[in-house]
Amino acid sequence: MASIDLDKVLDSAWAGKSLPEILAAPVAALKGVSERDGELLDEAFGVKTVADLAELKYARWAQALAALDAAK
């Protein structure tokens, strides 16, 4: 089972929110992602929410490549 320290990855305004609320949140809910970053992700890839970012094929491809490198 996966786990994550939400305090390390979420903006403080999203602390205490449920997982469905976080996944539906704008990407700016992630610590270090600004509203402008969110606008640019939307313009470039149609990413509006944290769930959209998680499902972005380019992010998944990059993760798969990094996992392959780590496995060698």
PDB file of N, CA and C in Angstrom:
ATOM      1  N   MET A   1       0.836  -1.178   0.000  1.00  0.00           N
ATOM      2  CA  MET A   1       0.000   0.000   0.000  1.00  0.00           C
ATOM      3  C   MET A   1       0.885   1.246   0.000  1.00  0.00           C
ATOM      4  N   ALA A   2       0.564   2.196  -0.837  1.00  0.00           N
ATOM      5  CA  ALA A   2       1.338   3.430  -0.946  1.00  0.00           C
ATOM      6  C   ALA A   2       0.973   4.383   0.185  1.00  0.00           C
ATOM      7  N   SER A   3       1.957   5.166   0.611  1.00  0.00           N
ATOM      8  CA  SER A   3       1.687   6.195   1.610  1.00  0.00           C
ATOM      9  C   SER A   3       2.481   7.437   1.245  1.00  0.00           C
ATOM     10  N   ILE A   4       2.009   8.565   1.758  1.00  0.00           N
ATOM     11  CA  ILE A   4       2.667   9.830   1.464  1.00  0.00           C
ATOM     12  C   ILE A   4       2.389  10.794   2.612  1.00  0.00           C
ATOM     13  N   ASP A   5       3.350  11.629   2.936  1.00  0.00           N
ATOM     14  CA  ASP A   5       3.174  12.649   3.956  1.00  0.00           C
ATOM     15  C   ASP A   5       2.526  13.853   3.275  1.00  0.00           C
ATOM     16  N   LEU A   6       1.223  14.014   3.481  1.00  0.00           N
ATOM     17  CA  LEU A   6       0.481  15.064   2.791  1.00  0.00           C
ATOM     18  C   LEU A   6       0.986  16.459   3.132  1.00  0.00           C
ATOM     19  N   ASP A   7       1.520  16.644   4.347  1.00  0.00           N
ATOM     20  CA  ASP A   7       2.056  17.956   4.723  1.00  0.00           C
ATOM     21  C   ASP A   7       3.237  18.361   3.850  1.00  0.00           C
ATOM     22  N   LYS A   8       3.943  17.369   3.311  1.00  0.00           N
ATOM     23  CA  LYS A   8       5.112  17.663   2.478  1.00  0.00           C
ATOM     24  C   LYS A   8       4.738  17.953   1.033  1.00  0.00           C
ATOM     25  N   VAL A   9       3.557  17.546   0.599  1.00  0.00           N
ATOM     26  CA  VAL A   9       3.219  17.692  -0.818  1.00  0.00           C
ATOM     27  C   VAL A   9       2.046  18.632  -1.095  1.00  0.00           C
ATOM     28  N   LEU A  10       1.324  19.029  -0.055  1.00  0.00           N
ATOM     29  CA  LEU A  10       0.164  19.892  -0.264  1.00  0.00           C
ATOM     30  C   LEU A  10       0.380  21.284   0.303  1.00  0.00           C
ATOM     31  N   ASP A  11      -0.189  22.262  -0.371  1.00  0.00           N
ATOM     32  CA  ASP A  11      -0.259  23.607   0.164  1.00  0.00           C
ATOM     33  C   ASP A  11      -1.066  23.531   1.455  1.00  0.00           C
ATOM     34  N   SER A  12      -0.717  24.350   2.437  1.00  0.00           N
ATOM     35  CA  SER A  12      -1.356  24.271   3.754  1.00  0.00           C
ATOM     36  C   SER A  12      -2.868  24.463   3.705  1.00  0.00           C
ATOM     37  N   ALA A  13      -3.379  25.164   2.711  1.00  0.00           N
ATOM     38  CA  ALA A  13      -4.828  25.366   2.588  1.00  0.00           C
ATOM     39  C   ALA A  13      -5.571  24.056   2.325  1.00  0.00           C
ATOM     40  N   TRP A  14      -4.859  23.046   1.870  1.00  0.00           N
ATOM     41  CA  TRP A  14      -5.487  21.764   1.538  1.00  0.00           C
ATOM     42  C   TRP A  14      -5.291  20.723   2.620  1.00  0.00           C
ATOM     43  N   ALA A  15      -4.614  21.080   3.698  1.00  0.00           N
ATOM     44  CA  ALA A  15      -4.421  20.151   4.811  1.00  0.00           C
ATOM     45  C   ALA A  15      -5.776  19.764   5.391  1.00  0.00           C
ATOM     46  N   GLY A  16      -5.937  18.503   5.674  1.00  0.00           N
ATOM     47  CA  GLY A  16      -7.182  18.033   6.269  1.00  0.00           C
ATOM     48  C   GLY A  16      -8.285  17.726   5.285  1.00  0.00           C
ATOM     49  N   LYS A  17      -8.057  17.986   4.006  1.00  0.00           N
ATOM     50  CA  LYS A  17      -9.070  17.673   2.990  1.00  0.00           C
ATOM     51  C   LYS A  17      -9.043  16.182   2.696  1.00  0.00           C
ATOM     52  N   SER A  18     -10.155  15.671   2.208  1.00  0.00           N
ATOM     53  CA  SER A  18     -10.235  14.253   1.849  1.00  0.00           C
ATOM     54  C   SER A  18      -9.492  14.004   0.545  1.00  0.00           C
ATOM     55  N   LEU A  19      -9.132  12.753   0.318  1.00  0.00           N
ATOM     56  CA  LEU A  19      -8.434  12.402  -0.917  1.00  0.00           C
ATOM     57  C   LEU A  19      -9.246  12.773  -2.155  1.00  0.00           C
ATOM     58  N   PRO A  20     -10.554  12.496  -2.200  1.00  0.00           N
ATOM     59  CA  PRO A  20     -11.327  12.924  -3.381  1.00  0.00           C
ATOM     60  C   PRO A  20     -11.284  14.436  -3.600  1.00  0.00           C
ATOM     61  N   GLU A  21     -11.301  15.214  -2.502  1.00  0.00           N
ATOM     62  CA  GLU A  21     -11.207  16.676  -2.635  1.00  0.00           C
ATOM     63  C   GLU A  21      -9.849  17.080  -3.183  1.00  0.00           C
ATOM     64  N   ILE A  22      -8.798  16.432  -2.707  1.00  0.00           N
ATOM     65  CA  ILE A  22      -7.452  16.755  -3.171  1.00  0.00           C
ATOM     66  C   ILE A  22      -7.291  16.409  -4.643  1.00  0.00           C
ATOM     67  N   LEU A  23      -7.767  15.256  -5.062  1.00  0.00           N
ATOM     68  CA  LEU A  23      -7.653  14.865  -6.472  1.00  0.00           C
ATOM     69  C   LEU A  23      -8.434  15.796  -7.389  1.00  0.00           C
ATOM     70  N   ALA A  24      -9.530  16.361  -6.888  1.00  0.00           N
ATOM     71  CA  ALA A  24     -10.337  17.292  -7.677  1.00  0.00           C
ATOM     72  C   ALA A  24      -9.826  18.729  -7.589  1.00  0.00           C
ATOM     73  N   ALA A  25      -8.832  18.952  -6.734  1.00  0.00           N
ATOM     74  CA  ALA A  25      -8.296  20.299  -6.524  1.00  0.00           C
ATOM     75  C   ALA A  25      -7.467  20.751  -7.715  1.00  0.00           C
ATOM     76  N   PRO A  26      -7.340  22.070  -7.890  1.00  0.00           N
ATOM     77  CA  PRO A  26      -6.430  22.571  -8.917  1.00  0.00           C
ATOM     78  C   PRO A  26      -5.001  22.172  -8.576  1.00  0.00           C
ATOM     79  N   VAL A  27      -4.157  22.056  -9.592  1.00  0.00           N
ATOM     80  CA  VAL A  27      -2.784  21.612  -9.363  1.00  0.00           C
ATOM     81  C   VAL A  27      -2.018  22.534  -8.416  1.00  0.00           C
ATOM     82  N   ALA A  28      -2.462  23.765  -8.265  1.00  0.00           N
ATOM     83  CA  ALA A  28      -1.825  24.688  -7.330  1.00  0.00           C
ATOM     84  C   ALA A  28      -1.995  24.236  -5.881  1.00  0.00           C
ATOM     85  N   ALA A  29      -2.817  23.216  -5.631  1.00  0.00           N
ATOM     86  CA  ALA A  29      -2.942  22.645  -4.288  1.00  0.00           C
ATOM     87  C   ALA A  29      -1.659  21.916  -3.894  1.00  0.00           C
ATOM     88  N   LEU A  30      -0.844  21.568  -4.881  1.00  0.00           N
ATOM     89  CA  LEU A  30       0.432  20.900  -4.619  1.00  0.00           C
ATOM     90  C   LEU A  30       1.474  21.939  -4.212  1.00  0.00           C
ATOM     91  N   LYS A  31       2.198  21.625  -3.164  1.00  0.00           N
ATOM     92  CA  LYS A  31       3.231  22.535  -2.659  1.00  0.00           C
ATOM     93  C   LYS A  31       4.244  22.821  -3.768  1.00  0.00           C
ATOM     94  N   GLY A  32       4.521  24.082  -3.993  1.00  0.00           N
ATOM     95  CA  GLY A  32       5.504  24.471  -4.995  1.00  0.00           C
ATOM     96  C   GLY A  32       4.933  24.720  -6.379  1.00  0.00           C
ATOM     97  N   VAL A  33       3.641  24.460  -6.565  1.00  0.00           N
ATOM     98  CA  VAL A  33       2.997  24.714  -7.858  1.00  0.00           C
ATOM     99  C   VAL A  33       2.147  25.972  -7.712  1.00  0.00           C
ATOM    100  N   SER A  34       2.491  26.989  -8.479  1.00  0.00           N
ATOM    101  CA  SER A  34       1.764  28.253  -8.388  1.00  0.00           C
ATOM    102  C   SER A  34       0.495  28.220  -9.246  1.00  0.00           C
ATOM    103  N   GLU A  35      -0.352  29.205  -9.035  1.00  0.00           N
ATOM    104  CA  GLU A  35      -1.553  29.311  -9.877  1.00  0.00           C
ATOM    105  C   GLU A  35      -1.141  29.506 -11.337  1.00  0.00           C
ATOM    106  N   ARG A  36      -0.084  30.268 -11.563  1.00  0.00           N
ATOM    107  CA  ARG A  36       0.406  30.474 -12.943  1.00  0.00           C
ATOM    108  C   ARG A  36       0.893  29.156 -13.533  1.00  0.00           C
ATOM    109  N   ASP A  37       1.598  28.355 -12.741  1.00  0.00           N
ATOM    110  CA  ASP A  37       2.017  27.031 -13.209  1.00  0.00           C
ATOM    111  C   ASP A  37       0.790  26.218 -13.629  1.00  0.00           C
ATOM    112  N   GLY A  38      -0.251  26.289 -12.823  1.00  0.00           N
ATOM    113  CA  GLY A  38      -1.492  25.585 -13.139  1.00  0.00           C
ATOM    114  C   GLY A  38      -2.093  26.065 -14.444  1.00  0.00           C
ATOM    115  N   GLU A  39      -2.079  27.373 -14.661  1.00  0.00           N
ATOM    116  CA  GLU A  39      -2.597  27.932 -15.917  1.00  0.00           C
ATOM    117  C   GLU A  39      -1.781  27.413 -17.105  1.00  0.00           C
ATOM    118  N   LEU A  40      -0.476  27.373 -16.942  1.00  0.00           N
ATOM    119  CA  LEU A  40       0.392  26.894 -18.033  1.00  0.00           C
ATOM    120  C   LEU A  40       0.180  25.407 -18.306  1.00  0.00           C
ATOM    121  N   LEU A  41      -0.007  24.610 -17.262  1.00  0.00           N
ATOM    122  CA  LEU A  41      -0.291  23.185 -17.456  1.00  0.00           C
ATOM    123  C   LEU A  41      -1.621  22.992 -18.173  1.00  0.00           C
ATOM    124  N   ASP A  42      -2.594  23.831 -17.842  1.00  0.00           N
ATOM    125  CA  ASP A  42      -3.881  23.758 -18.516  1.00  0.00           C
ATOM    126  C   ASP A  42      -3.734  24.131 -19.986  1.00  0.00           C
ATOM    127  N   GLU A  43      -3.025  25.219 -20.258  1.00  0.00           N
ATOM    128  CA  GLU A  43      -2.831  25.655 -21.646  1.00  0.00           C
ATOM    129  C   GLU A  43      -2.086  24.610 -22.469  1.00  0.00           C
ATOM    130  N   ALA A  44      -1.054  24.035 -21.893  1.00  0.00           N
ATOM    131  CA  ALA A  44      -0.205  23.103 -22.636  1.00  0.00           C
ATOM    132  C   ALA A  44      -0.809  21.711 -22.761  1.00  0.00           C
ATOM    133  N   PHE A  45      -1.432  21.217 -21.686  1.00  0.00           N
ATOM    134  CA  PHE A  45      -1.841  19.812 -21.653  1.00  0.00           C
ATOM    135  C   PHE A  45      -3.285  19.581 -21.246  1.00  0.00           C
ATOM    136  N   GLY A  46      -4.027  20.643 -20.949  1.00  0.00           N
ATOM    137  CA  GLY A  46      -5.406  20.473 -20.497  1.00  0.00           C
ATOM    138  C   GLY A  46      -5.500  19.950 -19.072  1.00  0.00           C
ATOM    139  N   VAL A  47      -4.425  20.116 -18.301  1.00  0.00           N
ATOM    140  CA  VAL A  47      -4.392  19.653 -16.911  1.00  0.00           C
ATOM    141  C   VAL A  47      -5.017  20.734 -16.033  1.00  0.00           C
ATOM    142  N   LYS A  48      -6.107  20.374 -15.365  1.00  0.00           N
ATOM    143  CA  LYS A  48      -6.791  21.317 -14.486  1.00  0.00           C
ATOM    144  C   LYS A  48      -6.713  20.893 -13.017  1.00  0.00           C
ATOM    145  N   THR A  49      -6.677  19.593 -12.764  1.00  0.00           N
ATOM    146  CA  THR A  49      -6.736  19.082 -11.398  1.00  0.00           C
ATOM    147  C   THR A  49      -5.514  18.217 -11.068  1.00  0.00           C
ATOM    148  N   VAL A  50      -5.384  17.920  -9.788  1.00  0.00           N
ATOM    149  CA  VAL A  50      -4.315  17.017  -9.348  1.00  0.00           C
ATOM    150  C   VAL A  50      -4.486  15.660 -10.041  1.00  0.00           C
ATOM    151  N   ALA A  51      -5.716  15.184 -10.164  1.00  0.00           N
ATOM    152  CA  ALA A  51      -5.970  13.907 -10.844  1.00  0.00           C
ATOM    153  C   ALA A  51      -5.557  13.973 -12.310  1.00  0.00           C
ATOM    154  N   ASP A  52      -5.843  15.090 -12.968  1.00  0.00           N
ATOM    155  CA  ASP A  52      -5.423  15.249 -14.372  1.00  0.00           C
ATOM    156  C   ASP A  52      -3.907  15.138 -14.492  1.00  0.00           C
ATOM    157  N   LEU A  53      -3.194  15.774 -13.571  1.00  0.00           N
ATOM    158  CA  LEU A  53      -1.730  15.730 -13.603  1.00  0.00           C
ATOM    159  C   LEU A  53      -1.236  14.301 -13.407  1.00  0.00           C
ATOM    160  N   ALA A  54      -1.863  13.578 -12.480  1.00  0.00           N
ATOM    161  CA  ALA A  54      -1.470  12.192 -12.219  1.00  0.00           C
ATOM    162  C   ALA A  54      -1.697  11.304 -13.430  1.00  0.00           C
ATOM    163  N   GLU A  55      -2.689  11.634 -14.230  1.00  0.00           N
ATOM    164  CA  GLU A  55      -3.029  10.822 -15.394  1.00  0.00           C
ATOM    165  C   GLU A  55      -2.334  11.286 -16.674  1.00  0.00           C
ATOM    166  N   LEU A  56      -1.585  12.363 -16.606  1.00  0.00           N
ATOM    167  CA  LEU A  56      -0.915  12.911 -17.783  1.00  0.00           C
ATOM    168  C   LEU A  56       0.068  11.887 -18.345  1.00  0.00           C
ATOM    169  N   LYS A  57      -0.145  11.506 -19.574  1.00  0.00           N
ATOM    170  CA  LYS A  57       0.677  10.431 -20.149  1.00  0.00           C
ATOM    171  C   LYS A  57       2.158  10.767 -20.157  1.00  0.00           C
ATOM    172  N   TYR A  58       2.502  12.014 -20.327  1.00  0.00           N
ATOM    173  CA  TYR A  58       3.914  12.389 -20.365  1.00  0.00           C
ATOM    174  C   TYR A  58       4.561  12.192 -18.992  1.00  0.00           C
ATOM    175  N   ALA A  59       3.821  12.498 -17.930  1.00  0.00           N
ATOM    176  CA  ALA A  59       4.330  12.272 -16.579  1.00  0.00           C
ATOM    177  C   ALA A  59       4.494  10.776 -16.330  1.00  0.00           C
ATOM    178  N   ARG A  60       3.530   9.982 -16.791  1.00  0.00           N
ATOM    179  CA  ARG A  60       3.622   8.524 -16.616  1.00  0.00           C
ATOM    180  C   ARG A  60       4.800   7.954 -17.406  1.00  0.00           C
ATOM    181  N   TRP A  61       5.003   8.441 -18.604  1.00  0.00           N
ATOM    182  CA  TRP A  61       6.138   7.969 -19.410  1.00  0.00           C
ATOM    183  C   TRP A  61       7.452   8.286 -18.697  1.00  0.00           C
ATOM    184  N   ALA A  62       7.574   9.511 -18.190  1.00  0.00           N
ATOM    185  CA  ALA A  62       8.797   9.916 -17.497  1.00  0.00           C
ATOM    186  C   ALA A  62       9.017   9.058 -16.247  1.00  0.00           C
ATOM    187  N   GLN A  63       7.959   8.762 -15.509  1.00  0.00           N
ATOM    188  CA  GLN A  63       8.075   7.909 -14.325  1.00  0.00           C
ATOM    189  C   GLN A  63       8.518   6.509 -14.708  1.00  0.00           C
ATOM    190  N   ALA A  64       7.979   5.981 -15.798  1.00  0.00           N
ATOM    191  CA  ALA A  64       8.349   4.636 -16.251  1.00  0.00           C
ATOM    192  C   ALA A  64       9.822   4.593 -16.656  1.00  0.00           C
ATOM    193  N   LEU A  65      10.275   5.619 -17.350  1.00  0.00           N
ATOM    194  CA  LEU A  65      11.682   5.674 -17.751  1.00  0.00           C
ATOM    195  C   LEU A  65      12.597   5.749 -16.527  1.00  0.00           C
ATOM    196  N   ALA A  66      12.210   6.559 -15.543  1.00  0.00           N
ATOM    197  CA  ALA A  66      13.019   6.669 -14.334  1.00  0.00           C
ATOM    198  C   ALA A  66      13.035   5.351 -13.570  1.00  0.00           C
ATOM    199  N   ALA A  67      11.909   4.646 -13.544  1.00  0.00           N
ATOM    200  CA  ALA A  67      11.845   3.356 -12.864  1.00  0.00           C
ATOM    201  C   ALA A  67      12.741   2.338 -13.575  1.00  0.00           C
ATOM    202  N   LEU A  68      12.757   2.367 -14.892  1.00  0.00           N
ATOM    203  CA  LEU A  68      13.635   1.471 -15.635  1.00  0.00           C
ATOM    204  C   LEU A  68      15.104   1.733 -15.301  1.00  0.00           C
ATOM    205  N   ASP A  69      15.447   3.003 -15.215  1.00  0.00           N
ATOM    206  CA  ASP A  69      16.823   3.381 -14.894  1.00  0.00           C
ATOM    207  C   ASP A  69      17.181   2.939 -13.480  1.00  0.00           C
ATOM    208  N   ALA A  70      16.257   3.082 -12.547  1.00  0.00           N
ATOM    209  CA  ALA A  70      16.507   2.708 -11.164  1.00  0.00           C
ATOM    210  C   ALA A  70      16.648   1.204 -10.985  1.00  0.00           C
ATOM    211  N   ALA A  71      16.014   0.444 -11.890  1.00  0.00           N
ATOM    212  CA  ALA A  71      16.021  -1.031 -11.788  1.00  0.00           C
ATOM    213  C   ALA A  71      17.304  -1.658 -12.323  1.00  0.00           C
ATOM    214  N   LYS A  72      18.129  -0.860 -12.985  1.00  0.00           N
ATOM    215  CA  LYS A  72      19.340  -1.472 -13.579  1.00  0.00           C
ATOM    216  C   LYS A  72      20.442  -1.684 -12.589  1.00  0.00           C
TER     217      LYS A  72
END
